[in-house]
Amino acid sequence: MTNTQPIYNRMDSFLASVEKQALVMAKMAVHEPDKAQDIVQDAMFQMVKKYANKPEDQWSSLFFRILNNRVIDQYRKRGLLDRMTQWFGYQTDDEVNQPDVVDQLPSTILEPDAQFQINEIGHGLRQALELLPLRQQQALTLRLWLGLSVQQTATAMKISDGSVKTHLHRALEAMRMHLSEYQ
């Protein structure tokens, strides 16, 4: 990407580079593929509309802040009853039958035992991530999966650097506890 490219071409390339991660994050957070797609599309639209002229090194944290805000808005819309049923692990028949994001990833050809082990670990990892509170989930994915700095993550989540570190520490502790059987 060069600075001689028109701004919208560079923005388009940036959005293409973060689309898959954003969609997975949104699906993990809202558990509804159609809603997740809407959230990501809305975040991308707002990014172009409001922040296309910002320096490119700020785009990542700005985009994930917008995405974070859209996810939080979705949580607010769900209402207390939906949030409580999710917190306590109750699911409707429709939610149980939804295809899982991790299960939809293309698999490589492996020995059956190795593939089974990988699938079990992936399932355990997904369950452990889903058990985390939203803010811990976001800190973990932004810092460790997307590789944003503490400062970029703080900007994206609209919290302090110290809060990012606290959320990440708590998330890692919870993940270690939930995944201890896989060691």
C-alpha atoms as a PDB file:
ATOM      1  CA  MET A   1       0.000   0.000   0.000  1.00  0.00           C
ATOM      2  CA  THR A   2       1.458   3.333  -1.010  1.00  0.00           C
ATOM      3  CA  ASN A   3       0.426   6.799  -0.024  1.00  0.00           C
ATOM      4  CA  THR A   4      -0.041   7.683  -3.693  1.00  0.00           C
ATOM      5  CA  GLN A   5      -3.092   5.423  -3.858  1.00  0.00           C
ATOM      6  CA  PRO A   6      -6.388   7.236  -3.483  1.00  0.00           C
ATOM      7  CA  ILE A   7      -7.545   7.203   0.140  1.00  0.00           C
ATOM      8  CA  TYR A   8     -10.578   5.027  -0.554  1.00  0.00           C
ATOM      9  CA  ASN A   9      -8.450   2.359  -2.258  1.00  0.00           C
ATOM     10  CA  ARG A  10      -6.226   2.224   0.832  1.00  0.00           C
ATOM     11  CA  MET A  11      -9.290   2.157   3.083  1.00  0.00           C
ATOM     12  CA  ASP A  12     -10.785  -0.642   0.988  1.00  0.00           C
ATOM     13  CA  SER A  13      -7.574  -2.653   1.342  1.00  0.00           C
ATOM     14  CA  PHE A  14      -7.521  -2.029   5.090  1.00  0.00           C
ATOM     15  CA  LEU A  15     -11.139  -3.124   5.532  1.00  0.00           C
ATOM     16  CA  ALA A  16     -10.529  -6.250   3.455  1.00  0.00           C
ATOM     17  CA  SER A  17      -7.583  -7.096   5.712  1.00  0.00           C
ATOM     18  CA  VAL A  18      -9.654  -6.921   8.930  1.00  0.00           C
ATOM     19  CA  GLU A  19     -12.982  -8.256   7.657  1.00  0.00           C
ATOM     20  CA  LYS A  20     -12.529 -11.917   8.637  1.00  0.00           C
ATOM     21  CA  GLN A  21     -11.239 -11.142  12.118  1.00  0.00           C
ATOM     22  CA  ALA A  22     -14.035  -8.642  12.691  1.00  0.00           C
ATOM     23  CA  LEU A  23     -16.665 -11.129  11.563  1.00  0.00           C
ATOM     24  CA  VAL A  24     -15.337 -13.866  13.835  1.00  0.00           C
ATOM     25  CA  MET A  25     -15.213 -11.443  16.770  1.00  0.00           C
ATOM     26  CA  ALA A  26     -18.773 -10.296  16.129  1.00  0.00           C
ATOM     27  CA  LYS A  27     -20.034 -13.880  15.762  1.00  0.00           C
ATOM     28  CA  MET A  28     -18.344 -14.857  19.025  1.00  0.00           C
ATOM     29  CA  ALA A  29     -19.939 -11.911  20.784  1.00  0.00           C
ATOM     30  CA  VAL A  30     -23.504 -12.039  19.454  1.00  0.00           C
ATOM     31  CA  HIS A  31     -23.858 -15.730  18.463  1.00  0.00           C
ATOM     32  CA  GLU A  32     -25.991 -14.799  15.449  1.00  0.00           C
ATOM     33  CA  PRO A  33     -24.254 -14.900  12.035  1.00  0.00           C
ATOM     34  CA  ASP A  34     -26.690 -12.499  10.354  1.00  0.00           C
ATOM     35  CA  LYS A  35     -26.480  -9.957  13.179  1.00  0.00           C
ATOM     36  CA  ALA A  36     -22.701 -10.311  13.220  1.00  0.00           C
ATOM     37  CA  GLN A  37     -22.541  -9.563   9.489  1.00  0.00           C
ATOM     38  CA  ASP A  38     -24.752  -6.508   9.972  1.00  0.00           C
ATOM     39  CA  ILE A  39     -22.551  -5.276  12.820  1.00  0.00           C
ATOM     40  CA  VAL A  40     -19.361  -5.633  10.759  1.00  0.00           C
ATOM     41  CA  GLN A  41     -20.888  -3.952   7.719  1.00  0.00           C
ATOM     42  CA  ASP A  42     -22.156  -1.080   9.831  1.00  0.00           C
ATOM     43  CA  ALA A  43     -18.743  -0.700  11.491  1.00  0.00           C
ATOM     44  CA  MET A  44     -17.066  -0.609   8.072  1.00  0.00           C
ATOM     45  CA  PHE A  45     -19.534   1.956   6.769  1.00  0.00           C
ATOM     46  CA  GLN A  46     -18.973   4.185   9.804  1.00  0.00           C
ATOM     47  CA  MET A  47     -15.206   3.789   9.458  1.00  0.00           C
ATOM     48  CA  VAL A  48     -15.270   5.056   5.884  1.00  0.00           C
ATOM     49  CA  LYS A  49     -17.795   7.786   6.623  1.00  0.00           C
ATOM     50  CA  LYS A  50     -16.104   9.247   9.691  1.00  0.00           C
ATOM     51  CA  TYR A  51     -12.450   8.221   9.752  1.00  0.00           C
ATOM     52  CA  ALA A  52     -11.161   7.748   6.201  1.00  0.00           C
ATOM     53  CA  ASN A  53      -9.084  10.924   6.496  1.00  0.00           C
ATOM     54  CA  LYS A  54      -7.437   9.913   9.785  1.00  0.00           C
ATOM     55  CA  PRO A  55      -3.817   8.686   9.670  1.00  0.00           C
ATOM     56  CA  GLU A  56      -3.608   5.075   8.529  1.00  0.00           C
ATOM     57  CA  ASP A  57      -1.735   3.973  11.641  1.00  0.00           C
ATOM     58  CA  GLN A  58      -4.882   4.832  13.641  1.00  0.00           C
ATOM     59  CA  TRP A  59      -7.312   2.927  11.442  1.00  0.00           C
ATOM     60  CA  SER A  60      -7.011  -0.397  13.227  1.00  0.00           C
ATOM     61  CA  SER A  61      -7.802   0.896  16.709  1.00  0.00           C
ATOM     62  CA  LEU A  62     -10.535   3.189  15.349  1.00  0.00           C
ATOM     63  CA  PHE A  63     -12.186   0.373  13.419  1.00  0.00           C
ATOM     64  CA  PHE A  64     -12.161  -2.000  16.366  1.00  0.00           C
ATOM     65  CA  ARG A  65     -13.544   0.751  18.614  1.00  0.00           C
ATOM     66  CA  ILE A  66     -16.459   1.154  16.204  1.00  0.00           C
ATOM     67  CA  LEU A  67     -16.922  -2.629  16.070  1.00  0.00           C
ATOM     68  CA  ASN A  68     -16.791  -2.801  19.861  1.00  0.00           C
ATOM     69  CA  ASN A  69     -19.436  -0.078  20.124  1.00  0.00           C
ATOM     70  CA  ARG A  70     -21.715  -1.897  17.677  1.00  0.00           C
ATOM     71  CA  VAL A  71     -21.368  -5.142  19.650  1.00  0.00           C
ATOM     72  CA  ILE A  72     -22.191  -3.334  22.898  1.00  0.00           C
ATOM     73  CA  ASP A  73     -25.190  -1.700  21.197  1.00  0.00           C
ATOM     74  CA  GLN A  74     -26.373  -5.164  20.170  1.00  0.00           C
ATOM     75  CA  TYR A  75     -26.056  -6.385  23.756  1.00  0.00           C
ATOM     76  CA  ARG A  76     -28.135  -3.440  24.926  1.00  0.00           C
ATOM     77  CA  LYS A  77     -30.810  -4.209  22.357  1.00  0.00           C
ATOM     78  CA  ARG A  78     -31.113  -7.817  23.456  1.00  0.00           C
ATOM     79  CA  GLY A  79     -32.555  -6.818  26.782  1.00  0.00           C
ATOM     80  CA  LEU A  80     -31.997  -8.135  30.255  1.00  0.00           C
ATOM     81  CA  LEU A  81     -33.720 -11.491  29.756  1.00  0.00           C
ATOM     82  CA  ASP A  82     -31.563 -12.478  26.793  1.00  0.00           C
ATOM     83  CA  ARG A  83     -28.385 -11.448  28.588  1.00  0.00           C
ATOM     84  CA  MET A  84     -29.358 -13.388  31.698  1.00  0.00           C
ATOM     85  CA  THR A  85     -30.088 -16.555  29.745  1.00  0.00           C
ATOM     86  CA  GLN A  86     -26.739 -16.232  28.005  1.00  0.00           C
ATOM     87  CA  TRP A  87     -24.879 -15.598  31.269  1.00  0.00           C
ATOM     88  CA  PHE A  88     -26.381 -18.707  32.829  1.00  0.00           C
ATOM     89  CA  GLY A  89     -25.763 -20.833  29.745  1.00  0.00           C
ATOM     90  CA  TYR A  90     -29.366 -21.440  28.713  1.00  0.00           C
ATOM     91  CA  GLN A  91     -29.917 -21.622  24.978  1.00  0.00           C
ATOM     92  CA  THR A  92     -32.957 -21.891  22.791  1.00  0.00           C
ATOM     93  CA  ASP A  93     -33.248 -24.717  20.274  1.00  0.00           C
ATOM     94  CA  ASP A  94     -32.378 -22.248  17.481  1.00  0.00           C
ATOM     95  CA  GLU A  95     -29.150 -21.224  19.240  1.00  0.00           C
ATOM     96  CA  VAL A  96     -28.109 -24.841  19.813  1.00  0.00           C
ATOM     97  CA  ASN A  97     -28.557 -25.638  16.116  1.00  0.00           C
ATOM     98  CA  GLN A  98     -26.554 -22.619  14.863  1.00  0.00           C
ATOM     99  CA  PRO A  99     -23.376 -23.620  13.024  1.00  0.00           C
ATOM    100  CA  ASP A 100     -20.285 -22.720  14.992  1.00  0.00           C
ATOM    101  CA  VAL A 101     -17.689 -20.320  13.596  1.00  0.00           C
ATOM    102  CA  VAL A 102     -14.740 -22.536  14.567  1.00  0.00           C
ATOM    103  CA  ASP A 103     -16.407 -25.619  13.088  1.00  0.00           C
ATOM    104  CA  GLN A 104     -16.808 -23.800   9.761  1.00  0.00           C
ATOM    105  CA  LEU A 105     -13.074 -23.214   9.315  1.00  0.00           C
ATOM    106  CA  PRO A 106     -11.558 -25.244   6.493  1.00  0.00           C
ATOM    107  CA  SER A 107      -9.721 -28.287   7.775  1.00  0.00           C
ATOM    108  CA  THR A 108      -6.464 -29.707   6.522  1.00  0.00           C
ATOM    109  CA  ILE A 109      -6.004 -33.393   5.873  1.00  0.00           C
ATOM    110  CA  LEU A 110      -4.611 -34.991   9.032  1.00  0.00           C
ATOM    111  CA  GLU A 111      -4.577 -38.387  10.618  1.00  0.00           C
ATOM    112  CA  PRO A 112      -7.949 -39.057  12.266  1.00  0.00           C
ATOM    113  CA  ASP A 113      -6.476 -39.065  15.803  1.00  0.00           C
ATOM    114  CA  ALA A 114      -4.699 -35.755  15.230  1.00  0.00           C
ATOM    115  CA  GLN A 115      -7.802 -34.234  13.651  1.00  0.00           C
ATOM    116  CA  PHE A 116      -9.932 -35.408  16.571  1.00  0.00           C
ATOM    117  CA  GLN A 117      -7.494 -33.890  19.057  1.00  0.00           C
ATOM    118  CA  ILE A 118      -7.418 -30.580  17.189  1.00  0.00           C
ATOM    119  CA  ASN A 119     -11.221 -30.521  17.024  1.00  0.00           C
ATOM    120  CA  GLU A 120     -11.506 -31.213  20.748  1.00  0.00           C
ATOM    121  CA  ILE A 121      -9.031 -28.469  21.603  1.00  0.00           C
ATOM    122  CA  GLY A 122     -10.799 -26.039  19.245  1.00  0.00           C
ATOM    123  CA  HIS A 123     -14.152 -26.882  20.815  1.00  0.00           C
ATOM    124  CA  GLY A 124     -12.715 -26.391  24.303  1.00  0.00           C
ATOM    125  CA  LEU A 125     -11.097 -23.116  23.295  1.00  0.00           C
ATOM    126  CA  ARG A 126     -14.332 -21.816  21.806  1.00  0.00           C
ATOM    127  CA  GLN A 127     -16.285 -22.784  24.920  1.00  0.00           C
ATOM    128  CA  ALA A 128     -13.699 -21.147  27.177  1.00  0.00           C
ATOM    129  CA  LEU A 129     -13.813 -17.932  25.108  1.00  0.00           C
ATOM    130  CA  GLU A 130     -17.597 -17.856  25.220  1.00  0.00           C
ATOM    131  CA  LEU A 131     -17.536 -18.150  29.018  1.00  0.00           C
ATOM    132  CA  LEU A 132     -15.472 -14.978  29.340  1.00  0.00           C
ATOM    133  CA  PRO A 133     -17.229 -11.686  30.025  1.00  0.00           C
ATOM    134  CA  LEU A 134     -17.465  -9.523  26.902  1.00  0.00           C
ATOM    135  CA  ARG A 135     -14.708  -7.068  27.910  1.00  0.00           C
ATOM    136  CA  GLN A 136     -12.261  -9.899  28.678  1.00  0.00           C
ATOM    137  CA  GLN A 137     -13.185 -11.568  25.395  1.00  0.00           C
ATOM    138  CA  GLN A 138     -12.509  -8.328  23.530  1.00  0.00           C
ATOM    139  CA  ALA A 139      -9.200  -7.639  25.276  1.00  0.00           C
ATOM    140  CA  LEU A 140      -8.003 -11.164  24.548  1.00  0.00           C
ATOM    141  CA  THR A 141      -8.945 -11.132  20.875  1.00  0.00           C
ATOM    142  CA  LEU A 142      -7.690  -7.615  20.176  1.00  0.00           C
ATOM    143  CA  ARG A 143      -4.351  -8.088  21.972  1.00  0.00           C
ATOM    144  CA  LEU A 144      -3.493 -11.719  21.316  1.00  0.00           C
ATOM    145  CA  TRP A 145      -5.349 -12.649  18.171  1.00  0.00           C
ATOM    146  CA  LEU A 146      -5.152  -9.383  16.238  1.00  0.00           C
ATOM    147  CA  GLY A 147      -1.869  -8.303  17.815  1.00  0.00           C
ATOM    148  CA  LEU A 148      -2.903  -4.748  18.681  1.00  0.00           C
ATOM    149  CA  SER A 149      -0.737  -2.950  21.227  1.00  0.00           C
ATOM    150  CA  VAL A 150      -2.046  -2.236  24.719  1.00  0.00           C
ATOM    151  CA  GLN A 151      -2.592   1.392  23.711  1.00  0.00           C
ATOM    152  CA  GLN A 152      -4.419   0.471  20.479  1.00  0.00           C
ATOM    153  CA  THR A 153      -6.583  -2.000  22.381  1.00  0.00           C
ATOM    154  CA  ALA A 154      -7.366   0.644  25.002  1.00  0.00           C
ATOM    155  CA  THR A 155      -8.364   3.072  22.262  1.00  0.00           C
ATOM    156  CA  ALA A 156     -10.533   0.465  20.554  1.00  0.00           C
ATOM    157  CA  MET A 157     -12.277  -0.465  23.793  1.00  0.00           C
ATOM    158  CA  LYS A 158     -12.441   3.111  25.179  1.00  0.00           C
ATOM    159  CA  ILE A 159     -10.713   2.114  28.403  1.00  0.00           C
ATOM    160  CA  SER A 160      -7.347   2.811  30.029  1.00  0.00           C
ATOM    161  CA  ASP A 161      -4.161   0.865  29.336  1.00  0.00           C
ATOM    162  CA  GLY A 162      -4.342  -0.509  32.878  1.00  0.00           C
ATOM    163  CA  SER A 163      -7.870  -1.780  32.321  1.00  0.00           C
ATOM    164  CA  VAL A 164      -6.736  -3.577  29.164  1.00  0.00           C
ATOM    165  CA  LYS A 165      -4.015  -5.296  31.161  1.00  0.00           C
ATOM    166  CA  THR A 166      -6.461  -6.221  33.922  1.00  0.00           C
ATOM    167  CA  HIS A 167      -9.050  -7.620  31.474  1.00  0.00           C
ATOM    168  CA  LEU A 168      -6.344  -9.535  29.622  1.00  0.00           C
ATOM    169  CA  HIS A 169      -4.866 -10.955  32.834  1.00  0.00           C
ATOM    170  CA  ARG A 170      -8.284 -12.097  34.055  1.00  0.00           C
ATOM    171  CA  ALA A 171      -9.112 -13.558  30.651  1.00  0.00           C
ATOM    172  CA  LEU A 172      -5.864 -15.523  30.541  1.00  0.00           C
ATOM    173  CA  GLU A 173      -6.397 -16.837  34.077  1.00  0.00           C
ATOM    174  CA  ALA A 174      -9.930 -17.945  33.200  1.00  0.00           C
ATOM    175  CA  MET A 175      -8.740 -19.533  29.940  1.00  0.00           C
ATOM    176  CA  ARG A 176      -5.994 -21.437  31.788  1.00  0.00           C
ATOM    177  CA  MET A 177      -8.544 -22.736  34.265  1.00  0.00           C
ATOM    178  CA  HIS A 178     -11.057 -23.756  31.571  1.00  0.00           C
ATOM    179  CA  LEU A 179      -8.415 -25.346  29.359  1.00  0.00           C
ATOM    180  CA  SER A 180      -6.432 -27.128  32.085  1.00  0.00           C
ATOM    181  CA  GLU A 181      -7.749 -30.520  30.941  1.00  0.00           C
ATOM    182  CA  TYR A 182      -6.022 -30.081  27.565  1.00  0.00           C
ATOM    183  CA  GLN A 183      -2.498 -29.768  28.974  1.00  0.00           C
END
